[in-house]
ModelCIF file with pLDDT and N, C-alpha, C, O atoms, coordinates in Angstrom:
data_MODEL
#
_entry.id   MODEL 
#
_entity.id                         1 
_entity.type                       polymer 
_entity.pdbx_number_of_molecules   1 
#
_entity_poly.entity_id                      1 
_entity_poly.type                           'polypeptide(L)' 
_entity_poly.nstd_linkage                   no 
_entity_poly.nstd_monomer                   no 
_entity_poly.pdbx_seq_one_letter_code       AEERQALADAAKLYAAADQLGLGETEYRLNWIPLGGYVKMLGQEDMD 
_entity_poly.pdbx_seq_one_letter_code_can   AEERQALADAAKLYAAADQLGLGETEYRLNWIPLGGYVKMLGQEDMD 
_entity_poly.pdbx_strand_id                 A 
#
loop_
_entity_poly_seq.entity_id 
_entity_poly_seq.num 
_entity_poly_seq.mon_id 
_entity_poly_seq.hetero 
1 1  ALA n 
1 2  GLU n 
1 3  GLU n 
1 4  ARG n 
1 5  GLN n 
1 6  ALA n 
1 7  LEU n 
1 8  ALA n 
1 9  ASP n 
1 10 ALA n 
1 11 ALA n 
1 12 LYS n 
1 13 LEU n 
1 14 TYR n 
1 15 ALA n 
1 16 ALA n 
1 17 ALA n 
1 18 ASP n 
1 19 GLN n 
1 20 LEU n 
1 21 GLY n 
1 22 LEU n 
1 23 GLY n 
1 24 GLU n 
1 25 THR n 
1 26 GLU n 
1 27 TYR n 
1 28 ARG n 
1 29 LEU n 
1 30 ASN n 
1 31 TRP n 
1 32 ILE n 
1 33 PRO n 
1 34 LEU n 
1 35 GLY n 
1 36 GLY n 
1 37 TYR n 
1 38 VAL n 
1 39 LYS n 
1 40 MET n 
1 41 LEU n 
1 42 GLY n 
1 43 GLN n 
1 44 GLU n 
1 45 ASP n 
1 46 MET n 
1 47 ASP n 
#
_struct_asym.id          A 
_struct_asym.entity_id   1 
#
loop_
_ma_qa_metric.id 
_ma_qa_metric.mode 
_ma_qa_metric.name 
_ma_qa_metric.software_group_id 
_ma_qa_metric.type 
1 global pLDDT . pLDDT 
2 local  pLDDT . pLDDT 
#
_ma_qa_metric_global.metric_id      1 
_ma_qa_metric_global.metric_value   86.06 
_ma_qa_metric_global.model_id       1 
_ma_qa_metric_global.ordinal_id     1 
#
loop_
_ma_qa_metric_local.label_asym_id 
_ma_qa_metric_local.label_comp_id 
_ma_qa_metric_local.label_seq_id 
_ma_qa_metric_local.metric_id 
_ma_qa_metric_local.metric_value 
_ma_qa_metric_local.model_id 
_ma_qa_metric_local.ordinal_id 
A ALA 1  2 76.00 1 1  
A GLU 2  2 78.00 1 2  
A GLU 3  2 71.00 1 3  
A ARG 4  2 73.00 1 4  
A GLN 5  2 75.00 1 5  
A ALA 6  2 75.00 1 6  
A LEU 7  2 73.00 1 7  
A ALA 8  2 76.00 1 8  
A ASP 9  2 82.00 1 9  
A ALA 10 2 82.00 1 10 
A ALA 11 2 81.00 1 11 
A LYS 12 2 87.00 1 12 
A LEU 13 2 88.00 1 13 
A TYR 14 2 89.00 1 14 
A ALA 15 2 88.00 1 15 
A ALA 16 2 90.00 1 16 
A ALA 17 2 92.00 1 17 
A ASP 18 2 91.00 1 18 
A GLN 19 2 91.00 1 19 
A LEU 20 2 92.00 1 20 
A GLY 21 2 93.00 1 21 
A LEU 22 2 95.00 1 22 
A GLY 23 2 93.00 1 23 
A GLU 24 2 93.00 1 24 
A THR 25 2 96.00 1 25 
A GLU 26 2 97.00 1 26 
A TYR 27 2 97.00 1 27 
A ARG 28 2 96.00 1 28 
A LEU 29 2 94.00 1 29 
A ASN 30 2 94.00 1 30 
A TRP 31 2 92.00 1 31 
A ILE 32 2 88.00 1 32 
A PRO 33 2 81.00 1 33 
A LEU 34 2 84.00 1 34 
A GLY 35 2 91.00 1 35 
A GLY 36 2 94.00 1 36 
A TYR 37 2 94.00 1 37 
A VAL 38 2 95.00 1 38 
A LYS 39 2 92.00 1 39 
A MET 40 2 91.00 1 40 
A LEU 41 2 86.00 1 41 
A GLY 42 2 81.00 1 42 
A GLN 43 2 81.00 1 43 
A GLU 44 2 76.00 1 44 
A ASP 45 2 72.00 1 45 
A MET 46 2 75.00 1 46 
A ASP 47 2 74.00 1 47 
#
loop_
_atom_site.group_PDB 
_atom_site.id 
_atom_site.type_symbol 
_atom_site.label_atom_id 
_atom_site.label_alt_id 
_atom_site.label_comp_id 
_atom_site.label_asym_id 
_atom_site.label_entity_id 
_atom_site.label_seq_id 
_atom_site.pdbx_PDB_ins_code 
_atom_site.Cartn_x 
_atom_site.Cartn_y 
_atom_site.Cartn_z 
_atom_site.occupancy 
_atom_site.B_iso_or_equiv 
_atom_site.pdbx_formal_charge 
_atom_site.auth_seq_id 
_atom_site.auth_comp_id 
_atom_site.auth_asym_id 
_atom_site.auth_atom_id 
_atom_site.pdbx_PDB_model_num 
ATOM 1   N N  . ALA A 1 1  ? 98.360  111.269 74.788  1.00 76.00 ? 1  ALA A N  1 
ATOM 2   C CA . ALA A 1 1  ? 99.706  111.532 75.300  1.00 76.00 ? 1  ALA A CA 1 
ATOM 3   C C  . ALA A 1 1  ? 99.658  111.724 76.814  1.00 76.00 ? 1  ALA A C  1 
ATOM 4   O O  . ALA A 1 1  ? 100.524 111.219 77.530  1.00 76.00 ? 1  ALA A O  1 
ATOM 5   N N  . GLU A 1 2  ? 98.663  112.442 77.302  1.00 78.00 ? 2  GLU A N  1 
ATOM 6   C CA . GLU A 1 2  ? 98.513  112.628 78.749  1.00 78.00 ? 2  GLU A CA 1 
ATOM 7   C C  . GLU A 1 2  ? 98.225  111.299 79.432  1.00 78.00 ? 2  GLU A C  1 
ATOM 8   O O  . GLU A 1 2  ? 98.745  111.021 80.513  1.00 78.00 ? 2  GLU A O  1 
ATOM 9   N N  . GLU A 1 3  ? 97.401  110.487 78.800  1.00 71.00 ? 3  GLU A N  1 
ATOM 10  C CA . GLU A 1 3  ? 97.070  109.172 79.353  1.00 71.00 ? 3  GLU A CA 1 
ATOM 11  C C  . GLU A 1 3  ? 98.320  108.285 79.406  1.00 71.00 ? 3  GLU A C  1 
ATOM 12  O O  . GLU A 1 3  ? 98.555  107.596 80.399  1.00 71.00 ? 3  GLU A O  1 
ATOM 13  N N  . ARG A 1 4  ? 99.124  108.306 78.323  1.00 73.00 ? 4  ARG A N  1 
ATOM 14  C CA . ARG A 1 4  ? 100.360 107.525 78.309  1.00 73.00 ? 4  ARG A CA 1 
ATOM 15  C C  . ARG A 1 4  ? 101.320 107.985 79.400  1.00 73.00 ? 4  ARG A C  1 
ATOM 16  O O  . ARG A 1 4  ? 101.979 107.167 80.042  1.00 73.00 ? 4  ARG A O  1 
ATOM 17  N N  . GLN A 1 5  ? 101.394 109.305 79.608  1.00 75.00 ? 5  GLN A N  1 
ATOM 18  C CA . GLN A 1 5  ? 102.277 109.840 80.649  1.00 75.00 ? 5  GLN A CA 1 
ATOM 19  C C  . GLN A 1 5  ? 101.804 109.403 82.031  1.00 75.00 ? 5  GLN A C  1 
ATOM 20  O O  . GLN A 1 5  ? 102.621 109.042 82.877  1.00 75.00 ? 5  GLN A O  1 
ATOM 21  N N  . ALA A 1 6  ? 100.503 109.432 82.266  1.00 75.00 ? 6  ALA A N  1 
ATOM 22  C CA . ALA A 1 6  ? 99.953  109.004 83.562  1.00 75.00 ? 6  ALA A CA 1 
ATOM 23  C C  . ALA A 1 6  ? 100.242 107.522 83.805  1.00 75.00 ? 6  ALA A C  1 
ATOM 24  O O  . ALA A 1 6  ? 100.573 107.124 84.922  1.00 75.00 ? 6  ALA A O  1 
ATOM 25  N N  . LEU A 1 7  ? 100.115 106.713 82.760  1.00 73.00 ? 7  LEU A N  1 
ATOM 26  C CA . LEU A 1 7  ? 100.404 105.287 82.889  1.00 73.00 ? 7  LEU A CA 1 
ATOM 27  C C  . LEU A 1 7  ? 101.887 105.042 83.143  1.00 73.00 ? 7  LEU A C  1 
ATOM 28  O O  . LEU A 1 7  ? 102.251 104.164 83.926  1.00 73.00 ? 7  LEU A O  1 
ATOM 29  N N  . ALA A 1 8  ? 102.737 105.817 82.483  1.00 76.00 ? 8  ALA A N  1 
ATOM 30  C CA . ALA A 1 8  ? 104.179 105.682 82.691  1.00 76.00 ? 8  ALA A CA 1 
ATOM 31  C C  . ALA A 1 8  ? 104.550 106.092 84.114  1.00 76.00 ? 8  ALA A C  1 
ATOM 32  O O  . ALA A 1 8  ? 105.406 105.464 84.738  1.00 76.00 ? 8  ALA A O  1 
ATOM 33  N N  . ASP A 1 9  ? 103.909 107.143 84.628  1.00 82.00 ? 9  ASP A N  1 
ATOM 34  C CA . ASP A 1 9  ? 104.160 107.569 86.006  1.00 82.00 ? 9  ASP A CA 1 
ATOM 35  C C  . ASP A 1 9  ? 103.724 106.485 86.990  1.00 82.00 ? 9  ASP A C  1 
ATOM 36  O O  . ASP A 1 9  ? 104.410 106.227 87.979  1.00 82.00 ? 9  ASP A O  1 
ATOM 37  N N  . ALA A 1 10 ? 102.585 105.853 86.717  1.00 82.00 ? 10 ALA A N  1 
ATOM 38  C CA . ALA A 1 10 ? 102.109 104.770 87.578  1.00 82.00 ? 10 ALA A CA 1 
ATOM 39  C C  . ALA A 1 10 ? 103.089 103.602 87.548  1.00 82.00 ? 10 ALA A C  1 
ATOM 40  O O  . ALA A 1 10 ? 103.354 102.995 88.586  1.00 82.00 ? 10 ALA A O  1 
ATOM 41  N N  . ALA A 1 11 ? 103.629 103.279 86.375  1.00 81.00 ? 11 ALA A N  1 
ATOM 42  C CA . ALA A 1 11 ? 104.603 102.188 86.265  1.00 81.00 ? 11 ALA A CA 1 
ATOM 43  C C  . ALA A 1 11 ? 105.851 102.500 87.088  1.00 81.00 ? 11 ALA A C  1 
ATOM 44  O O  . ALA A 1 11 ? 106.434 101.604 87.697  1.00 81.00 ? 11 ALA A O  1 
ATOM 45  N N  . LYS A 1 12 ? 106.263 103.775 87.106  1.00 87.00 ? 12 LYS A N  1 
ATOM 46  C CA . LYS A 1 12 ? 107.420 104.169 87.918  1.00 87.00 ? 12 LYS A CA 1 
ATOM 47  C C  . LYS A 1 12 ? 107.116 104.015 89.407  1.00 87.00 ? 12 LYS A C  1 
ATOM 48  O O  . LYS A 1 12 ? 107.987 103.619 90.182  1.00 87.00 ? 12 LYS A O  1 
ATOM 49  N N  . LEU A 1 13 ? 105.878 104.329 89.808  1.00 88.00 ? 13 LEU A N  1 
ATOM 50  C CA . LEU A 1 13 ? 105.496 104.154 91.212  1.00 88.00 ? 13 LEU A CA 1 
ATOM 51  C C  . LEU A 1 13 ? 105.525 102.685 91.611  1.00 88.00 ? 13 LEU A C  1 
ATOM 52  O O  . LEU A 1 13 ? 105.999 102.340 92.694  1.00 88.00 ? 13 LEU A O  1 
ATOM 53  N N  . TYR A 1 14 ? 105.020 101.821 90.736  1.00 89.00 ? 14 TYR A N  1 
ATOM 54  C CA . TYR A 1 14 ? 105.046 100.382 91.026  1.00 89.00 ? 14 TYR A CA 1 
ATOM 55  C C  . TYR A 1 14 ? 106.488 99.889  91.143  1.00 89.00 ? 14 TYR A C  1 
ATOM 56  O O  . TYR A 1 14 ? 106.796 99.076  92.015  1.00 89.00 ? 14 TYR A O  1 
ATOM 57  N N  . ALA A 1 15 ? 107.364 100.371 90.279  1.00 88.00 ? 15 ALA A N  1 
ATOM 58  C CA . ALA A 1 15 ? 108.772 99.970  90.339  1.00 88.00 ? 15 ALA A CA 1 
ATOM 59  C C  . ALA A 1 15 ? 109.416 100.455 91.637  1.00 88.00 ? 15 ALA A C  1 
ATOM 60  O O  . ALA A 1 15 ? 110.208 99.735  92.245  1.00 88.00 ? 15 ALA A O  1 
ATOM 61  N N  . ALA A 1 16 ? 109.076 101.678 92.065  1.00 90.00 ? 16 ALA A N  1 
ATOM 62  C CA . ALA A 1 16 ? 109.623 102.207 93.323  1.00 90.00 ? 16 ALA A CA 1 
ATOM 63  C C  . ALA A 1 16 ? 109.129 101.383 94.510  1.00 90.00 ? 16 ALA A C  1 
ATOM 64  O O  . ALA A 1 16 ? 109.895 101.100 95.431  1.00 90.00 ? 16 ALA A O  1 
ATOM 65  N N  . ALA A 1 17 ? 107.863 101.000 94.492  1.00 92.00 ? 17 ALA A N  1 
ATOM 66  C CA . ALA A 1 17 ? 107.318 100.173 95.571  1.00 92.00 ? 17 ALA A CA 1 
ATOM 67  C C  . ALA A 1 17 ? 107.998 98.805  95.597  1.00 92.00 ? 17 ALA A C  1 
ATOM 68  O O  . ALA A 1 17 ? 108.259 98.259  96.669  1.00 92.00 ? 17 ALA A O  1 
ATOM 69  N N  . ASP A 1 18 ? 108.283 98.255  94.420  1.00 91.00 ? 18 ASP A N  1 
ATOM 70  C CA . ASP A 1 18 ? 108.997 96.981  94.348  1.00 91.00 ? 18 ASP A CA 1 
ATOM 71  C C  . ASP A 1 18 ? 110.390 97.112  94.964  1.00 91.00 ? 18 ASP A C  1 
ATOM 72  O O  . ASP A 1 18 ? 110.838 96.218  95.682  1.00 91.00 ? 18 ASP A O  1 
ATOM 73  N N  . GLN A 1 19 ? 111.072 98.219  94.687  1.00 91.00 ? 19 GLN A N  1 
ATOM 74  C CA . GLN A 1 19 ? 112.406 98.447  95.246  1.00 91.00 ? 19 GLN A CA 1 
ATOM 75  C C  . GLN A 1 19 ? 112.358 98.533  96.766  1.00 91.00 ? 19 GLN A C  1 
ATOM 76  O O  . GLN A 1 19 ? 113.298 98.122  97.446  1.00 91.00 ? 19 GLN A O  1 
ATOM 77  N N  . LEU A 1 20 ? 111.259 99.067  97.296  1.00 92.00 ? 20 LEU A N  1 
ATOM 78  C CA . LEU A 1 20 ? 111.109 99.181  98.747  1.00 92.00 ? 20 LEU A CA 1 
ATOM 79  C C  . LEU A 1 20 ? 110.752 97.850  99.406  1.00 92.00 ? 20 LEU A C  1 
ATOM 80  O O  . LEU A 1 20 ? 110.812 97.722  100.629 1.00 92.00 ? 20 LEU A O  1 
ATOM 81  N N  . GLY A 1 21 ? 110.384 96.865  98.596  1.00 93.00 ? 21 GLY A N  1 
ATOM 82  C CA . GLY A 1 21 ? 109.993 95.574  99.155  1.00 93.00 ? 21 GLY A CA 1 
ATOM 83  C C  . GLY A 1 21 ? 108.536 95.514  99.577  1.00 93.00 ? 21 GLY A C  1 
ATOM 84  O O  . GLY A 1 21 ? 108.139 94.625  100.329 1.00 93.00 ? 21 GLY A O  1 
ATOM 85  N N  . LEU A 1 22 ? 107.743 96.455  99.097  1.00 95.00 ? 22 LEU A N  1 
ATOM 86  C CA . LEU A 1 22 ? 106.310 96.427  99.403  1.00 95.00 ? 22 LEU A CA 1 
ATOM 87  C C  . LEU A 1 22 ? 105.632 95.387  98.524  1.00 95.00 ? 22 LEU A C  1 
ATOM 88  O O  . LEU A 1 22 ? 105.950 95.266  97.340  1.00 95.00 ? 22 LEU A O  1 
ATOM 89  N N  . GLY A 1 23 ? 104.715 94.649  99.089  1.00 93.00 ? 23 GLY A N  1 
ATOM 90  C CA . GLY A 1 23 ? 103.994 93.644  98.320  1.00 93.00 ? 23 GLY A CA 1 
ATOM 91  C C  . GLY A 1 23 ? 103.155 94.282  97.244  1.00 93.00 ? 23 GLY A C  1 
ATOM 92  O O  . GLY A 1 23 ? 102.547 95.330  97.465  1.00 93.00 ? 23 GLY A O  1 
ATOM 93  N N  . GLU A 1 24 ? 103.113 93.664  96.086  1.00 93.00 ? 24 GLU A N  1 
ATOM 94  C CA . GLU A 1 24 ? 102.343 94.237  94.978  1.00 93.00 ? 24 GLU A CA 1 
ATOM 95  C C  . GLU A 1 24 ? 100.852 93.985  95.127  1.00 93.00 ? 24 GLU A C  1 
ATOM 96  O O  . GLU A 1 24 ? 100.050 94.664  94.485  1.00 93.00 ? 24 GLU A O  1 
ATOM 97  N N  . THR A 1 25 ? 100.459 93.020  95.962  1.00 96.00 ? 25 THR A N  1 
ATOM 98  C CA . THR A 1 25 ? 99.055  92.654  96.092  1.00 96.00 ? 25 THR A CA 1 
ATOM 99  C C  . THR A 1 25 ? 98.521  93.039  97.458  1.00 96.00 ? 25 THR A C  1 
ATOM 100 O O  . THR A 1 25 ? 99.127  92.753  98.491  1.00 96.00 ? 25 THR A O  1 
ATOM 101 N N  . GLU A 1 26 ? 97.372  93.694  97.436  1.00 97.00 ? 26 GLU A N  1 
ATOM 102 C CA . GLU A 1 26 ? 96.646  93.985  98.670  1.00 97.00 ? 26 GLU A CA 1 
ATOM 103 C C  . GLU A 1 26 ? 95.584  92.900  98.833  1.00 97.00 ? 26 GLU A C  1 
ATOM 104 O O  . GLU A 1 26 ? 94.742  92.713  97.954  1.00 97.00 ? 26 GLU A O  1 
ATOM 105 N N  . TYR A 1 27 ? 95.624  92.194  99.945  1.00 97.00 ? 27 TYR A N  1 
ATOM 106 C CA . TYR A 1 27 ? 94.641  91.152  100.256 1.00 97.00 ? 27 TYR A CA 1 
ATOM 107 C C  . TYR A 1 27 ? 93.572  91.794  101.127 1.00 97.00 ? 27 TYR A C  1 
ATOM 108 O O  . TYR A 1 27 ? 93.872  92.325  102.196 1.00 97.00 ? 27 TYR A O  1 
ATOM 109 N N  . ARG A 1 28 ? 92.302  91.745  100.662 1.00 96.00 ? 28 ARG A N  1 
ATOM 110 C CA . ARG A 1 28 ? 91.254  92.502  101.327 1.00 96.00 ? 28 ARG A CA 1 
ATOM 111 C C  . ARG A 1 28 ? 90.032  91.661  101.656 1.00 96.00 ? 28 ARG A C  1 
ATOM 112 O O  . ARG A 1 28 ? 89.698  90.704  100.958 1.00 96.00 ? 28 ARG A O  1 
ATOM 113 N N  . LEU A 1 29 ? 89.387  92.045  102.731 1.00 94.00 ? 29 LEU A N  1 
ATOM 114 C CA . LEU A 1 29 ? 88.062  91.556  103.064 1.00 94.00 ? 29 LEU A CA 1 
ATOM 115 C C  . LEU A 1 29 ? 87.168  92.787  103.000 1.00 94.00 ? 29 LEU A C  1 
ATOM 116 O O  . LEU A 1 29 ? 87.332  93.721  103.785 1.00 94.00 ? 29 LEU A O  1 
ATOM 117 N N  . ASN A 1 30 ? 86.217  92.785  102.058 1.00 94.00 ? 30 ASN A N  1 
ATOM 118 C CA . ASN A 1 30 ? 85.378  93.954  101.834 1.00 94.00 ? 30 ASN A CA 1 
ATOM 119 C C  . ASN A 1 30 ? 84.036  93.823  102.557 1.00 94.00 ? 30 ASN A C  1 
ATOM 120 O O  . ASN A 1 30 ? 83.673  92.748  103.033 1.00 94.00 ? 30 ASN A O  1 
ATOM 121 N N  . TRP A 1 31 ? 83.316  94.933  102.626 1.00 92.00 ? 31 TRP A N  1 
ATOM 122 C CA . TRP A 1 31 ? 82.088  95.041  103.403 1.00 92.00 ? 31 TRP A CA 1 
ATOM 123 C C  . TRP A 1 31 ? 80.953  94.151  102.911 1.00 92.00 ? 31 TRP A C  1 
ATOM 124 O O  . TRP A 1 31 ? 80.229  93.589  103.733 1.00 92.00 ? 31 TRP A O  1 
ATOM 125 N N  . ILE A 1 32 ? 80.775  94.005  101.624 1.00 88.00 ? 32 ILE A N  1 
ATOM 126 C CA . ILE A 1 32 ? 79.611  93.285  101.088 1.00 88.00 ? 32 ILE A CA 1 
ATOM 127 C C  . ILE A 1 32 ? 80.047  91.880  100.681 1.00 88.00 ? 32 ILE A C  1 
ATOM 128 O O  . ILE A 1 32 ? 80.709  91.717  99.657  1.00 88.00 ? 32 ILE A O  1 
ATOM 129 N N  . PRO A 1 33 ? 79.682  90.851  101.475 1.00 81.00 ? 33 PRO A N  1 
ATOM 130 C CA . PRO A 1 33 ? 80.205  89.496  101.235 1.00 81.00 ? 33 PRO A CA 1 
ATOM 131 C C  . PRO A 1 33 ? 79.435  88.727  100.165 1.00 81.00 ? 33 PRO A C  1 
ATOM 132 O O  . PRO A 1 33 ? 78.956  87.622  100.421 1.00 81.00 ? 33 PRO A O  1 
ATOM 133 N N  . LEU A 1 34 ? 79.313  89.296  98.984  1.00 84.00 ? 34 LEU A N  1 
ATOM 134 C CA . LEU A 1 34 ? 78.538  88.651  97.914  1.00 84.00 ? 34 LEU A CA 1 
ATOM 135 C C  . LEU A 1 34 ? 79.381  88.353  96.681  1.00 84.00 ? 34 LEU A C  1 
ATOM 136 O O  . LEU A 1 34 ? 78.863  88.391  95.565  1.00 84.00 ? 34 LEU A O  1 
ATOM 137 N N  . GLY A 1 35 ? 80.628  88.065  96.847  1.00 91.00 ? 35 GLY A N  1 
ATOM 138 C CA . GLY A 1 35 ? 81.488  87.763  95.705  1.00 91.00 ? 35 GLY A CA 1 
ATOM 139 C C  . GLY A 1 35 ? 82.922  88.078  96.025  1.00 91.00 ? 35 GLY A C  1 
ATOM 140 O O  . GLY A 1 35 ? 83.324  88.098  97.188  1.00 91.00 ? 35 GLY A O  1 
ATOM 141 N N  . GLY A 1 36 ? 83.688  88.324  94.994  1.00 94.00 ? 36 GLY A N  1 
ATOM 142 C CA . GLY A 1 36 ? 85.090  88.656  95.153  1.00 94.00 ? 36 GLY A CA 1 
ATOM 143 C C  . GLY A 1 36 ? 85.699  88.964  93.800  1.00 94.00 ? 36 GLY A C  1 
ATOM 144 O O  . GLY A 1 36 ? 85.042  88.832  92.767  1.00 94.00 ? 36 GLY A O  1 
ATOM 145 N N  . TYR A 1 37 ? 86.944  89.371  93.811  1.00 94.00 ? 37 TYR A N  1 
ATOM 146 C CA . TYR A 1 37 ? 87.612  89.690  92.548  1.00 94.00 ? 37 TYR A CA 1 
ATOM 147 C C  . TYR A 1 37 ? 89.119  89.694  92.729  1.00 94.00 ? 37 TYR A C  1 
ATOM 148 O O  . TYR A 1 37 ? 89.636  89.789  93.842  1.00 94.00 ? 37 TYR A O  1 
ATOM 149 N N  . VAL A 1 38 ? 89.808  89.589  91.601  1.00 95.00 ? 38 VAL A N  1 
ATOM 150 C CA . VAL A 1 38 ? 91.248  89.791  91.531  1.00 95.00 ? 38 VAL A CA 1 
ATOM 151 C C  . VAL A 1 38 ? 91.439  90.949  90.553  1.00 95.00 ? 38 VAL A C  1 
ATOM 152 O O  . VAL A 1 38 ? 91.056  90.859  89.387  1.00 95.00 ? 38 VAL A O  1 
ATOM 153 N N  . LYS A 1 39 ? 92.025  92.018  91.033  1.00 92.00 ? 39 LYS A N  1 
ATOM 154 C CA . LYS A 1 39 ? 92.266  93.191  90.185  1.00 92.00 ? 39 LYS A CA 1 
ATOM 155 C C  . LYS A 1 39 ? 93.675  93.085  89.629  1.00 92.00 ? 39 LYS A C  1 
ATOM 156 O O  . LYS A 1 39 ? 94.655  93.065  90.374  1.00 92.00 ? 39 LYS A O  1 
ATOM 157 N N  . MET A 1 40 ? 93.759  93.018  88.300  1.00 91.00 ? 40 MET A N  1 
ATOM 158 C CA . MET A 1 40 ? 95.060  92.894  87.636  1.00 91.00 ? 40 MET A CA 1 
ATOM 159 C C  . MET A 1 40 ? 95.413  94.207  86.940  1.00 91.00 ? 40 MET A C  1 
ATOM 160 O O  . MET A 1 40 ? 94.551  94.861  86.352  1.00 91.00 ? 40 MET A O  1 
ATOM 161 N N  . LEU A 1 41 ? 96.670  94.577  87.013  1.00 86.00 ? 41 LEU A N  1 
ATOM 162 C CA . LEU A 1 41 ? 97.125  95.803  86.368  1.00 86.00 ? 41 LEU A CA 1 
ATOM 163 C C  . LEU A 1 41 ? 96.847  95.721  84.872  1.00 86.00 ? 41 LEU A C  1 
ATOM 164 O O  . LEU A 1 41 ? 97.224  94.745  84.224  1.00 86.00 ? 41 LEU A O  1 
ATOM 165 N N  . GLY A 1 42 ? 96.191  96.735  84.324  1.00 81.00 ? 42 GLY A N  1 
ATOM 166 C CA . GLY A 1 42 ? 95.910  96.774  82.891  1.00 81.00 ? 42 GLY A CA 1 
ATOM 167 C C  . GLY A 1 42 ? 94.581  96.172  82.514  1.00 81.00 ? 42 GLY A C  1 
ATOM 168 O O  . GLY A 1 42 ? 94.172  96.287  81.358  1.00 81.00 ? 42 GLY A O  1 
ATOM 169 N N  . GLN A 1 43 ? 93.885  95.533  83.440  1.00 81.00 ? 43 GLN A N  1 
ATOM 170 C CA . GLN A 1 43 ? 92.566  94.984  83.142  1.00 81.00 ? 43 GLN A CA 1 
ATOM 171 C C  . GLN A 1 43 ? 91.538  96.045  83.503  1.00 81.00 ? 43 GLN A C  1 
ATOM 172 O O  . GLN A 1 43 ? 91.197  96.223  84.673  1.00 81.00 ? 43 GLN A O  1 
ATOM 173 N N  . GLU A 1 44 ? 91.060  96.734  82.508  1.00 76.00 ? 44 GLU A N  1 
ATOM 174 C CA . GLU A 1 44 ? 90.090  97.805  82.703  1.00 76.00 ? 44 GLU A CA 1 
ATOM 175 C C  . GLU A 1 44 ? 88.775  97.385  82.069  1.00 76.00 ? 44 GLU A C  1 
ATOM 176 O O  . GLU A 1 44 ? 88.622  97.459  80.849  1.00 76.00 ? 44 GLU A O  1 
ATOM 177 N N  . ASP A 1 45 ? 87.832  96.949  82.877  1.00 72.00 ? 45 ASP A N  1 
ATOM 178 C CA . ASP A 1 45 ? 86.550  96.478  82.357  1.00 72.00 ? 45 ASP A CA 1 
ATOM 179 C C  . ASP A 1 45 ? 85.760  97.601  81.684  1.00 72.00 ? 45 ASP A C  1 
ATOM 180 O O  . ASP A 1 45 ? 85.003  97.345  80.748  1.00 72.00 ? 45 ASP A O  1 
ATOM 181 N N  . MET A 1 46 ? 85.927  98.827  82.147  1.00 75.00 ? 46 MET A N  1 
ATOM 182 C CA . MET A 1 46 ? 85.201  99.957  81.569  1.00 75.00 ? 46 MET A CA 1 
ATOM 183 C C  . MET A 1 46 ? 85.834  100.445 80.262  1.00 75.00 ? 46 MET A C  1 
ATOM 184 O O  . MET A 1 46 ? 85.169  101.106 79.464  1.00 75.00 ? 46 MET A O  1 
ATOM 185 N N  . ASP A 1 47 ? 87.101  100.128 80.043  1.00 74.00 ? 47 ASP A N  1 
ATOM 186 C CA . ASP A 1 47 ? 87.798  100.530 78.819  1.00 74.00 ? 47 ASP A CA 1 
ATOM 187 C C  . ASP A 1 47 ? 88.644  99.363  78.326  1.00 74.00 ? 47 ASP A C  1 
ATOM 188 O O  . ASP A 1 47 ? 89.320  99.479  77.304  1.00 74.00 ? 47 ASP A O  1 
#
């Protein structure tokens, strides 16, 4: 239940950011140039 509430709160934050016109994707150049990734909401490799 706590986990569901935290996820629901995060969804509300994403919706608020969308209303503000903030881009949903952060484009990054990271320190270690040995690969890359696309992080998608809900894709949890550890769970």
